[in-house]
C-alpha cells in the first residue's frame, strides 16, 4: 500500500459480467491487457492499493459476486486520481472495448465510497456498498462519478445516519439505470 498525506481515500468497486470464460480465445485481448493496465494503475499518481488474489497478479480468479462476474476493488488518494487513471490513461482502451468482453449491466456495477486512509476495504464491504447503491441510489455512503460526494460530506452523513444492514439492502435491491459514464 502506498503512503499518502490524505486523511481519507476513495474506495472503488467495479463488477463486470463476462461474455465468455477468461480462457476463451475471444477474451484473449482483454487478458493480454490485464498486466499492462494493472502495472499502469500501480504506477499511477494517487494509486494506493488494489485487490489481488493470493499468488497471482490480479483478482480475476476471485468470484465473490458470481461465477461469471469479475471484480475490481481499488483504493485511490482522490477521486480525481481515479478519474485520471480511468479516462486519461491506457485504461481507456479497455473501456472502449468493454462490450466485446462484458455484458451490459442494467443496474449499478460501479460504486465509490470514502474510507479512512490506511483502511483496506474487504470484498464483503465493497459488495455491501454496491447493494446499498442499487437499493437506495447515490448517497454519501455509496456513489458514482456522476453523483459524487466529498469525504467531508460522507463523514457528516455517516455520523448522522447508521449504516444500512447488508441483508436489508440486498432484499430491497432494485435495478438501477446504468447511466454512469463508467458503465460496463
N, C-alpha and C. Protein backbone atom coordinates (compact mmCIF):
# COMPACT_ATOMS: atom_id res chain seq x y z
N UNK A 1 0.85 -1.17 0.00
CA UNK A 1 0.00 0.00 0.00
C UNK A 1 0.89 1.23 0.00
N UNK A 2 0.53 2.22 -0.81
CA UNK A 2 1.28 3.45 -0.94
C UNK A 2 0.95 4.41 0.19
N UNK A 3 1.97 5.08 0.77
CA UNK A 3 1.74 6.06 1.82
C UNK A 3 1.07 7.29 1.21
N UNK A 4 0.26 7.99 2.02
CA UNK A 4 -0.50 9.12 1.49
C UNK A 4 -0.63 10.22 2.53
N UNK A 5 -0.60 11.49 2.08
CA UNK A 5 -0.82 12.59 3.01
C UNK A 5 -2.30 12.87 3.27
N UNK A 6 -3.21 12.20 2.56
CA UNK A 6 -4.64 12.44 2.69
C UNK A 6 -5.23 11.67 3.88
N UNK A 7 -6.17 12.29 4.57
CA UNK A 7 -6.83 11.64 5.72
C UNK A 7 -7.85 10.60 5.27
N UNK A 8 -8.40 10.80 4.09
CA UNK A 8 -9.39 9.88 3.56
C UNK A 8 -8.98 9.45 2.16
N UNK A 9 -9.35 8.25 1.81
CA UNK A 9 -9.10 7.72 0.48
C UNK A 9 -10.42 7.30 -0.15
N UNK A 10 -10.40 7.17 -1.46
CA UNK A 10 -11.58 6.75 -2.20
C UNK A 10 -11.47 5.28 -2.55
N UNK A 11 -12.44 4.50 -2.12
CA UNK A 11 -12.51 3.08 -2.50
C UNK A 11 -13.41 2.96 -3.71
N UNK A 12 -13.11 1.99 -4.56
CA UNK A 12 -13.86 1.78 -5.79
C UNK A 12 -14.05 0.29 -6.01
N UNK A 13 -15.28 -0.10 -6.30
CA UNK A 13 -15.58 -1.47 -6.71
C UNK A 13 -16.26 -1.40 -8.06
N UNK A 14 -15.81 -2.23 -8.97
CA UNK A 14 -16.42 -2.37 -10.29
C UNK A 14 -16.62 -3.86 -10.51
N UNK A 15 -17.82 -4.25 -10.89
CA UNK A 15 -18.10 -5.65 -11.22
C UNK A 15 -18.44 -5.74 -12.70
N UNK A 16 -18.03 -6.81 -13.33
CA UNK A 16 -18.28 -6.98 -14.76
C UNK A 16 -18.65 -8.44 -15.04
N UNK A 17 -19.72 -8.63 -15.76
CA UNK A 17 -20.19 -9.97 -16.12
C UNK A 17 -19.56 -10.38 -17.44
N UNK A 18 -18.80 -11.47 -17.38
CA UNK A 18 -18.08 -11.95 -18.56
C UNK A 18 -19.03 -12.46 -19.64
N UNK A 19 -18.72 -12.17 -20.89
CA UNK A 19 -19.46 -12.75 -22.01
C UNK A 19 -19.01 -14.20 -22.25
N UNK A 20 -17.73 -14.46 -21.94
CA UNK A 20 -17.13 -15.77 -22.18
C UNK A 20 -16.15 -16.05 -21.04
N UNK A 21 -15.80 -17.31 -20.79
CA UNK A 21 -14.77 -17.61 -19.78
C UNK A 21 -13.45 -16.93 -20.15
N UNK A 22 -12.66 -16.61 -19.15
CA UNK A 22 -11.40 -15.90 -19.41
C UNK A 22 -10.44 -16.69 -20.30
N UNK A 23 -10.55 -18.02 -20.32
CA UNK A 23 -9.65 -18.80 -21.18
C UNK A 23 -10.19 -18.98 -22.60
N UNK A 24 -11.34 -18.40 -22.90
CA UNK A 24 -11.90 -18.43 -24.24
C UNK A 24 -11.07 -17.51 -25.15
N UNK A 25 -10.75 -17.94 -26.37
CA UNK A 25 -9.94 -17.09 -27.28
C UNK A 25 -10.54 -15.70 -27.51
N UNK A 26 -11.86 -15.56 -27.42
CA UNK A 26 -12.48 -14.25 -27.61
C UNK A 26 -12.13 -13.28 -26.49
N UNK A 27 -11.66 -13.81 -25.36
CA UNK A 27 -11.28 -12.95 -24.23
C UNK A 27 -9.78 -12.63 -24.24
N UNK A 28 -9.04 -13.23 -25.16
CA UNK A 28 -7.58 -13.05 -25.19
C UNK A 28 -7.14 -11.59 -25.20
N UNK A 29 -7.74 -10.71 -26.01
CA UNK A 29 -7.29 -9.32 -25.98
C UNK A 29 -7.44 -8.67 -24.59
N UNK A 30 -8.54 -8.97 -23.91
CA UNK A 30 -8.73 -8.44 -22.56
C UNK A 30 -7.66 -9.00 -21.61
N UNK A 31 -7.47 -10.30 -21.64
CA UNK A 31 -6.49 -10.95 -20.76
C UNK A 31 -5.09 -10.39 -21.01
N UNK A 32 -4.76 -10.15 -22.28
CA UNK A 32 -3.44 -9.60 -22.63
C UNK A 32 -3.26 -8.18 -22.10
N UNK A 33 -4.34 -7.44 -21.90
CA UNK A 33 -4.25 -6.08 -21.37
C UNK A 33 -4.14 -6.02 -19.85
N UNK A 34 -4.47 -7.12 -19.17
CA UNK A 34 -4.50 -7.09 -17.71
C UNK A 34 -3.19 -6.65 -17.08
N UNK A 35 -2.10 -7.31 -17.42
CA UNK A 35 -0.82 -6.96 -16.78
C UNK A 35 -0.40 -5.52 -17.07
N UNK A 36 -0.43 -5.06 -18.33
CA UNK A 36 -0.03 -3.67 -18.56
C UNK A 36 -0.95 -2.65 -17.89
N UNK A 37 -2.25 -2.89 -17.90
CA UNK A 37 -3.17 -1.95 -17.26
C UNK A 37 -3.00 -1.96 -15.75
N UNK A 38 -2.84 -3.13 -15.15
CA UNK A 38 -2.61 -3.20 -13.71
C UNK A 38 -1.29 -2.54 -13.33
N UNK A 39 -0.25 -2.72 -14.14
CA UNK A 39 1.04 -2.06 -13.88
C UNK A 39 0.89 -0.55 -13.97
N UNK A 40 0.11 -0.08 -14.94
CA UNK A 40 -0.13 1.36 -15.07
C UNK A 40 -0.89 1.89 -13.86
N UNK A 41 -1.87 1.13 -13.38
CA UNK A 41 -2.60 1.54 -12.18
C UNK A 41 -1.65 1.63 -10.99
N UNK A 42 -0.85 0.59 -10.81
CA UNK A 42 0.08 0.56 -9.68
C UNK A 42 1.03 1.76 -9.68
N UNK A 43 1.38 2.25 -10.87
CA UNK A 43 2.31 3.37 -11.00
C UNK A 43 1.61 4.73 -11.13
N UNK A 44 0.30 4.74 -11.19
CA UNK A 44 -0.45 5.98 -11.41
C UNK A 44 -0.38 6.90 -10.20
N UNK A 45 -0.30 8.20 -10.44
CA UNK A 45 -0.36 9.15 -9.32
C UNK A 45 -1.67 8.97 -8.56
N UNK A 46 -1.57 8.90 -7.24
CA UNK A 46 -2.75 8.77 -6.41
C UNK A 46 -3.21 7.35 -6.14
N UNK A 47 -2.60 6.36 -6.81
CA UNK A 47 -2.96 4.96 -6.56
C UNK A 47 -2.47 4.57 -5.18
N UNK A 48 -3.31 3.82 -4.44
CA UNK A 48 -2.95 3.35 -3.11
C UNK A 48 -2.86 1.83 -3.05
N UNK A 49 -3.89 1.13 -3.55
CA UNK A 49 -3.97 -0.33 -3.36
C UNK A 49 -4.98 -0.92 -4.32
N UNK A 50 -4.78 -2.21 -4.67
CA UNK A 50 -5.80 -2.96 -5.42
C UNK A 50 -5.84 -4.39 -4.92
N UNK A 51 -7.01 -4.96 -5.00
CA UNK A 51 -7.23 -6.34 -4.60
C UNK A 51 -6.56 -7.27 -5.61
N UNK A 52 -5.82 -8.24 -5.11
CA UNK A 52 -5.26 -9.30 -5.95
C UNK A 52 -5.50 -10.63 -5.25
N UNK A 53 -5.71 -11.65 -6.05
CA UNK A 53 -5.86 -12.99 -5.50
C UNK A 53 -4.48 -13.46 -5.05
N UNK A 54 -4.43 -14.10 -3.89
CA UNK A 54 -3.16 -14.58 -3.36
C UNK A 54 -2.44 -15.45 -4.38
N UNK A 55 -1.16 -15.13 -4.61
CA UNK A 55 -0.35 -15.90 -5.54
C UNK A 55 -0.52 -15.52 -7.00
N UNK A 56 -1.30 -14.47 -7.27
CA UNK A 56 -1.50 -14.03 -8.65
C UNK A 56 -1.24 -12.53 -8.75
N UNK A 57 -1.31 -12.02 -9.97
CA UNK A 57 -1.06 -10.59 -10.20
C UNK A 57 -2.35 -9.78 -10.30
N UNK A 58 -3.51 -10.46 -10.24
CA UNK A 58 -4.77 -9.73 -10.37
C UNK A 58 -5.86 -10.44 -9.57
N UNK A 59 -7.09 -9.95 -9.72
CA UNK A 59 -8.21 -10.51 -8.95
C UNK A 59 -9.20 -11.26 -9.83
N UNK A 60 -8.83 -11.58 -11.07
CA UNK A 60 -9.80 -12.19 -11.99
C UNK A 60 -10.24 -13.59 -11.55
N UNK A 61 -9.48 -14.26 -10.72
CA UNK A 61 -9.87 -15.58 -10.25
C UNK A 61 -10.84 -15.55 -9.09
N UNK A 62 -10.97 -14.39 -8.45
CA UNK A 62 -11.92 -14.25 -7.35
C UNK A 62 -13.31 -14.05 -7.93
N UNK A 63 -14.28 -14.75 -7.42
CA UNK A 63 -15.64 -14.65 -7.96
C UNK A 63 -16.67 -14.47 -6.84
N UNK A 64 -16.52 -13.46 -5.99
CA UNK A 64 -17.45 -13.29 -4.88
C UNK A 64 -18.83 -12.81 -5.29
N UNK A 65 -18.99 -12.35 -6.53
CA UNK A 65 -20.28 -11.83 -6.98
C UNK A 65 -20.95 -12.75 -7.99
N UNK A 66 -20.38 -13.94 -8.21
CA UNK A 66 -20.95 -14.90 -9.16
C UNK A 66 -19.86 -15.50 -10.03
N UNK A 67 -20.11 -16.69 -10.53
CA UNK A 67 -19.10 -17.42 -11.32
C UNK A 67 -18.68 -16.70 -12.59
N UNK A 68 -19.57 -15.91 -13.16
CA UNK A 68 -19.25 -15.22 -14.40
C UNK A 68 -18.99 -13.72 -14.20
N UNK A 69 -18.77 -13.32 -12.94
CA UNK A 69 -18.57 -11.91 -12.61
C UNK A 69 -17.17 -11.71 -12.03
N UNK A 70 -16.40 -10.80 -12.66
CA UNK A 70 -15.10 -10.45 -12.10
C UNK A 70 -15.24 -9.13 -11.35
N UNK A 71 -14.36 -8.94 -10.37
CA UNK A 71 -14.39 -7.74 -9.54
C UNK A 71 -13.07 -7.00 -9.63
N UNK A 72 -13.18 -5.69 -9.52
CA UNK A 72 -12.01 -4.83 -9.44
C UNK A 72 -12.24 -3.94 -8.23
N UNK A 73 -11.38 -4.06 -7.23
CA UNK A 73 -11.51 -3.28 -6.00
C UNK A 73 -10.20 -2.55 -5.79
N UNK A 74 -10.27 -1.21 -5.76
CA UNK A 74 -9.07 -0.40 -5.63
C UNK A 74 -9.29 0.72 -4.62
N UNK A 75 -8.18 1.33 -4.21
CA UNK A 75 -8.20 2.50 -3.32
C UNK A 75 -7.30 3.56 -3.94
N UNK A 76 -7.80 4.79 -3.93
CA UNK A 76 -7.11 5.94 -4.52
C UNK A 76 -7.08 7.09 -3.53
N UNK A 77 -6.06 7.95 -3.66
CA UNK A 77 -5.97 9.11 -2.76
C UNK A 77 -7.12 10.08 -2.97
N UNK A 78 -7.52 10.25 -4.22
CA UNK A 78 -8.57 11.22 -4.54
C UNK A 78 -9.45 10.69 -5.67
N UNK A 79 -10.61 11.28 -5.81
CA UNK A 79 -11.49 10.93 -6.91
C UNK A 79 -10.85 11.35 -8.23
N UNK A 80 -10.16 12.46 -8.23
CA UNK A 80 -9.51 12.93 -9.45
C UNK A 80 -8.44 11.96 -9.93
N UNK A 81 -7.70 11.37 -9.01
CA UNK A 81 -6.67 10.40 -9.38
C UNK A 81 -7.30 9.18 -10.05
N UNK A 82 -8.40 8.69 -9.49
CA UNK A 82 -9.11 7.55 -10.09
C UNK A 82 -9.66 7.94 -11.45
N UNK A 83 -10.28 9.09 -11.57
CA UNK A 83 -10.83 9.55 -12.86
C UNK A 83 -9.73 9.64 -13.91
N UNK A 84 -8.60 10.24 -13.53
CA UNK A 84 -7.50 10.38 -14.49
C UNK A 84 -7.01 9.03 -14.97
N UNK A 85 -6.85 8.08 -14.06
CA UNK A 85 -6.42 6.75 -14.49
C UNK A 85 -7.48 6.11 -15.39
N UNK A 86 -8.73 6.20 -14.99
CA UNK A 86 -9.81 5.52 -15.72
C UNK A 86 -9.99 6.08 -17.13
N UNK A 87 -9.94 7.40 -17.26
CA UNK A 87 -10.31 8.03 -18.53
C UNK A 87 -9.17 8.76 -19.25
N UNK A 88 -7.99 8.83 -18.65
CA UNK A 88 -6.89 9.56 -19.29
C UNK A 88 -5.60 8.75 -19.31
N UNK A 89 -5.75 7.44 -19.44
CA UNK A 89 -4.58 6.56 -19.48
C UNK A 89 -4.87 5.41 -20.44
N UNK A 90 -3.98 4.44 -20.50
CA UNK A 90 -4.18 3.26 -21.33
C UNK A 90 -5.41 2.46 -20.93
N UNK A 91 -5.92 2.69 -19.73
CA UNK A 91 -7.14 2.02 -19.29
C UNK A 91 -8.33 2.38 -20.18
N UNK A 92 -8.28 3.54 -20.79
CA UNK A 92 -9.38 3.97 -21.65
C UNK A 92 -9.62 3.01 -22.81
N UNK A 93 -8.56 2.38 -23.30
CA UNK A 93 -8.71 1.40 -24.39
C UNK A 93 -9.57 0.22 -23.93
N UNK A 94 -9.38 -0.22 -22.71
CA UNK A 94 -10.21 -1.30 -22.16
C UNK A 94 -11.65 -0.82 -22.08
N UNK A 95 -11.86 0.39 -21.62
CA UNK A 95 -13.21 0.94 -21.52
C UNK A 95 -13.89 0.99 -22.89
N UNK A 96 -13.15 1.40 -23.89
CA UNK A 96 -13.72 1.50 -25.24
C UNK A 96 -14.14 0.13 -25.79
N UNK A 97 -13.43 -0.91 -25.41
CA UNK A 97 -13.69 -2.24 -25.96
C UNK A 97 -14.50 -3.14 -25.02
N UNK A 98 -14.99 -2.61 -23.93
CA UNK A 98 -15.63 -3.44 -22.89
C UNK A 98 -16.80 -4.26 -23.40
N UNK A 99 -17.54 -3.77 -24.37
CA UNK A 99 -18.70 -4.54 -24.87
C UNK A 99 -18.28 -5.83 -25.57
N UNK A 100 -17.04 -5.92 -26.01
CA UNK A 100 -16.54 -7.17 -26.60
C UNK A 100 -16.46 -8.28 -25.56
N UNK A 101 -16.20 -7.89 -24.31
CA UNK A 101 -15.87 -8.87 -23.28
C UNK A 101 -16.90 -8.99 -22.16
N UNK A 102 -17.69 -7.94 -21.95
CA UNK A 102 -18.59 -7.90 -20.79
C UNK A 102 -20.02 -7.59 -21.21
N UNK A 103 -20.95 -8.19 -20.48
CA UNK A 103 -22.37 -7.91 -20.70
C UNK A 103 -22.69 -6.49 -20.25
N UNK A 104 -23.69 -5.91 -20.85
CA UNK A 104 -24.16 -4.58 -20.43
C UNK A 104 -24.94 -4.77 -19.13
N UNK A 105 -24.64 -3.95 -18.15
CA UNK A 105 -25.34 -4.03 -16.87
C UNK A 105 -26.61 -3.19 -16.91
N UNK A 106 -27.66 -3.71 -16.31
CA UNK A 106 -28.91 -2.97 -16.22
C UNK A 106 -29.07 -2.32 -14.85
N UNK A 107 -28.15 -2.58 -13.97
CA UNK A 107 -28.15 -1.94 -12.65
C UNK A 107 -26.73 -1.48 -12.35
N UNK A 108 -26.59 -0.71 -11.30
CA UNK A 108 -25.28 -0.16 -10.95
C UNK A 108 -24.25 -1.27 -10.84
N UNK A 109 -23.08 -1.03 -11.38
CA UNK A 109 -21.98 -2.00 -11.31
C UNK A 109 -20.70 -1.37 -10.75
N UNK A 110 -20.72 -0.07 -10.57
CA UNK A 110 -19.59 0.68 -10.04
C UNK A 110 -20.05 1.44 -8.82
N UNK A 111 -19.28 1.36 -7.75
CA UNK A 111 -19.60 2.13 -6.55
C UNK A 111 -18.31 2.73 -5.99
N UNK A 112 -18.44 3.95 -5.51
CA UNK A 112 -17.34 4.66 -4.86
C UNK A 112 -17.77 4.99 -3.43
N UNK A 113 -16.81 5.03 -2.51
CA UNK A 113 -17.09 5.47 -1.14
C UNK A 113 -15.78 5.86 -0.48
N UNK A 114 -15.89 6.75 0.50
CA UNK A 114 -14.71 7.25 1.21
C UNK A 114 -14.39 6.34 2.39
N UNK A 115 -13.09 6.13 2.61
CA UNK A 115 -12.61 5.32 3.73
C UNK A 115 -11.48 6.08 4.42
N UNK A 116 -11.21 5.80 5.68
CA UNK A 116 -10.06 6.42 6.32
C UNK A 116 -8.76 5.94 5.66
N UNK A 117 -7.81 6.84 5.50
CA UNK A 117 -6.51 6.44 4.96
C UNK A 117 -5.96 5.30 5.80
N UNK A 118 -5.42 4.29 5.15
CA UNK A 118 -4.86 3.13 5.84
C UNK A 118 -5.82 1.96 5.93
N UNK A 119 -7.10 2.22 5.73
CA UNK A 119 -8.10 1.14 5.75
C UNK A 119 -8.10 0.45 4.39
N UNK A 120 -8.07 -0.87 4.38
CA UNK A 120 -8.21 -1.64 3.14
C UNK A 120 -9.59 -2.28 3.14
N UNK A 121 -10.44 -1.92 2.21
CA UNK A 121 -11.80 -2.47 2.20
C UNK A 121 -11.80 -3.95 1.87
N UNK A 122 -12.71 -4.65 2.47
CA UNK A 122 -12.89 -6.07 2.15
C UNK A 122 -13.85 -6.19 0.96
N UNK A 123 -13.85 -7.36 0.35
CA UNK A 123 -14.79 -7.60 -0.74
C UNK A 123 -16.22 -7.53 -0.19
N UNK A 124 -16.44 -8.07 1.00
CA UNK A 124 -17.77 -8.01 1.60
C UNK A 124 -18.24 -6.58 1.80
N UNK A 125 -17.36 -5.73 2.31
CA UNK A 125 -17.68 -4.32 2.49
C UNK A 125 -18.02 -3.68 1.14
N UNK A 126 -17.24 -3.98 0.13
CA UNK A 126 -17.45 -3.41 -1.20
C UNK A 126 -18.79 -3.86 -1.79
N UNK A 127 -19.09 -5.13 -1.68
CA UNK A 127 -20.36 -5.64 -2.21
C UNK A 127 -21.55 -5.06 -1.44
N UNK A 128 -21.38 -4.81 -0.14
CA UNK A 128 -22.44 -4.19 0.63
C UNK A 128 -22.67 -2.76 0.15
N UNK A 129 -21.61 -2.02 -0.18
CA UNK A 129 -21.77 -0.65 -0.70
C UNK A 129 -22.48 -0.68 -2.05
N UNK A 130 -22.15 -1.65 -2.88
CA UNK A 130 -22.82 -1.77 -4.17
C UNK A 130 -24.30 -2.08 -3.97
N UNK A 131 -24.61 -2.98 -3.04
CA UNK A 131 -26.01 -3.30 -2.74
C UNK A 131 -26.74 -2.06 -2.23
N UNK A 132 -26.07 -1.26 -1.41
CA UNK A 132 -26.67 -0.02 -0.90
C UNK A 132 -26.98 0.94 -2.05
N UNK A 133 -26.05 1.10 -2.96
CA UNK A 133 -26.27 1.97 -4.12
C UNK A 133 -27.44 1.47 -4.96
N UNK A 134 -27.47 0.17 -5.21
CA UNK A 134 -28.55 -0.40 -6.01
C UNK A 134 -29.91 -0.24 -5.32
N UNK A 135 -29.94 -0.40 -4.01
CA UNK A 135 -31.20 -0.35 -3.28
C UNK A 135 -31.70 1.07 -3.03
N UNK A 136 -30.78 1.99 -2.78
CA UNK A 136 -31.18 3.33 -2.32
C UNK A 136 -30.74 4.47 -3.22
N UNK A 137 -29.97 4.16 -4.25
CA UNK A 137 -29.45 5.22 -5.10
C UNK A 137 -28.23 5.88 -4.47
N UNK A 138 -27.66 6.85 -5.18
CA UNK A 138 -26.45 7.50 -4.69
C UNK A 138 -26.68 8.25 -3.38
N UNK A 139 -25.68 8.16 -2.52
CA UNK A 139 -25.67 8.88 -1.25
C UNK A 139 -24.21 9.07 -0.87
N UNK A 140 -23.93 9.84 0.17
CA UNK A 140 -22.54 9.97 0.60
C UNK A 140 -21.91 8.63 1.02
N UNK A 141 -22.74 7.63 1.26
CA UNK A 141 -22.27 6.30 1.66
C UNK A 141 -21.86 5.44 0.47
N UNK A 142 -22.50 5.65 -0.68
CA UNK A 142 -22.25 4.83 -1.87
C UNK A 142 -22.66 5.66 -3.09
N UNK A 143 -21.70 5.99 -3.95
CA UNK A 143 -21.99 6.91 -5.05
C UNK A 143 -21.21 6.52 -6.29
N UNK A 144 -21.34 7.32 -7.34
CA UNK A 144 -20.66 7.09 -8.61
C UNK A 144 -19.92 8.36 -9.02
N UNK A 145 -19.24 8.31 -10.14
CA UNK A 145 -18.58 9.51 -10.64
C UNK A 145 -19.58 10.63 -10.90
N UNK A 146 -20.73 10.30 -11.43
CA UNK A 146 -21.71 11.34 -11.80
C UNK A 146 -22.55 11.81 -10.62
N UNK A 147 -22.47 11.15 -9.51
CA UNK A 147 -23.24 11.54 -8.33
C UNK A 147 -22.32 11.51 -7.11
N UNK A 148 -21.21 12.20 -7.21
CA UNK A 148 -20.17 12.07 -6.18
C UNK A 148 -20.40 12.98 -4.98
N UNK A 149 -19.74 12.61 -3.91
CA UNK A 149 -19.76 13.36 -2.66
C UNK A 149 -18.31 13.51 -2.18
N UNK A 150 -18.05 14.55 -1.43
CA UNK A 150 -16.72 14.74 -0.86
C UNK A 150 -16.57 13.87 0.38
N UNK A 151 -15.34 13.72 0.82
CA UNK A 151 -15.08 12.96 2.04
C UNK A 151 -15.74 13.64 3.24
N UNK A 152 -15.78 14.97 3.24
CA UNK A 152 -16.43 15.71 4.33
C UNK A 152 -17.93 15.43 4.35
N UNK A 153 -18.57 15.45 3.18
CA UNK A 153 -19.99 15.14 3.10
C UNK A 153 -20.27 13.71 3.56
N UNK A 154 -19.41 12.80 3.17
CA UNK A 154 -19.59 11.39 3.58
C UNK A 154 -19.46 11.25 5.08
N UNK A 155 -18.45 11.89 5.68
CA UNK A 155 -18.26 11.80 7.12
C UNK A 155 -19.45 12.39 7.87
N UNK A 156 -19.95 13.51 7.41
CA UNK A 156 -21.12 14.14 8.03
C UNK A 156 -22.33 13.22 7.94
N UNK A 157 -22.54 12.60 6.79
CA UNK A 157 -23.67 11.69 6.58
C UNK A 157 -23.55 10.46 7.47
N UNK A 158 -22.37 9.89 7.56
CA UNK A 158 -22.19 8.66 8.34
C UNK A 158 -22.36 8.92 9.83
N UNK A 159 -22.02 10.13 10.29
CA UNK A 159 -22.25 10.46 11.69
C UNK A 159 -23.74 10.61 11.98
N UNK A 160 -24.49 11.09 10.98
CA UNK A 160 -25.92 11.37 11.17
C UNK A 160 -26.81 10.14 10.97
N UNK A 161 -26.37 9.18 10.15
CA UNK A 161 -27.23 8.03 9.82
C UNK A 161 -26.48 6.74 10.03
N UNK A 162 -27.09 5.77 10.71
CA UNK A 162 -26.42 4.47 10.87
C UNK A 162 -26.36 3.77 9.51
N UNK A 163 -25.33 2.94 9.29
CA UNK A 163 -25.22 2.23 8.02
C UNK A 163 -26.36 1.24 7.82
N UNK A 164 -26.73 1.05 6.56
CA UNK A 164 -27.76 0.07 6.23
C UNK A 164 -27.22 -1.33 6.49
N UNK A 165 -28.12 -2.21 6.92
CA UNK A 165 -27.72 -3.60 7.12
C UNK A 165 -27.62 -4.25 5.74
N UNK A 166 -26.54 -5.02 5.47
CA UNK A 166 -26.36 -5.63 4.14
C UNK A 166 -27.55 -6.46 3.70
N UNK A 167 -28.14 -7.26 4.58
CA UNK A 167 -29.25 -8.10 4.18
C UNK A 167 -30.47 -7.26 3.81
N UNK A 168 -30.65 -6.12 4.49
CA UNK A 168 -31.76 -5.23 4.17
C UNK A 168 -31.55 -4.60 2.80
N UNK A 169 -30.33 -4.15 2.52
CA UNK A 169 -30.03 -3.55 1.23
C UNK A 169 -30.20 -4.57 0.11
N UNK A 170 -29.77 -5.79 0.33
CA UNK A 170 -29.89 -6.82 -0.70
C UNK A 170 -31.35 -7.16 -0.96
N UNK A 171 -32.17 -7.22 0.09
CA UNK A 171 -33.59 -7.54 -0.08
C UNK A 171 -34.32 -6.47 -0.87
N UNK A 172 -33.94 -5.23 -0.66
CA UNK A 172 -34.67 -4.14 -1.31
C UNK A 172 -33.99 -3.67 -2.60
N UNK A 173 -33.00 -4.42 -3.06
CA UNK A 173 -32.30 -4.02 -4.28
C UNK A 173 -33.26 -3.99 -5.46
N UNK A 174 -33.14 -2.95 -6.25
CA UNK A 174 -33.93 -2.84 -7.46
C UNK A 174 -33.00 -2.44 -8.58
N UNK A 175 -33.28 -2.85 -9.80
CA UNK A 175 -32.42 -2.47 -10.91
C UNK A 175 -32.33 -0.95 -11.00
N UNK A 176 -31.13 -0.47 -11.27
CA UNK A 176 -30.91 0.95 -11.45
C UNK A 176 -30.36 1.19 -12.83
N UNK A 177 -30.54 2.35 -13.33
CA UNK A 177 -30.06 2.70 -14.66
C UNK A 177 -28.55 2.72 -14.69
N UNK A 178 -27.99 2.27 -15.76
CA UNK A 178 -26.54 2.28 -15.92
C UNK A 178 -26.14 3.53 -16.68
N UNK A 179 -26.47 4.70 -16.12
CA UNK A 179 -26.19 5.96 -16.79
C UNK A 179 -24.83 6.52 -16.46
N UNK A 180 -24.11 5.91 -15.56
CA UNK A 180 -22.79 6.40 -15.19
C UNK A 180 -21.86 6.26 -16.38
N UNK A 181 -20.98 7.24 -16.65
CA UNK A 181 -20.08 7.13 -17.79
C UNK A 181 -19.12 5.95 -17.69
N UNK A 182 -18.96 5.38 -16.52
CA UNK A 182 -18.06 4.24 -16.35
C UNK A 182 -18.80 2.92 -16.53
N UNK A 183 -20.05 2.97 -16.98
CA UNK A 183 -20.87 1.75 -17.09
C UNK A 183 -20.20 0.74 -18.01
N UNK A 184 -20.16 -0.50 -17.51
CA UNK A 184 -19.57 -1.58 -18.31
C UNK A 184 -20.62 -2.16 -19.20
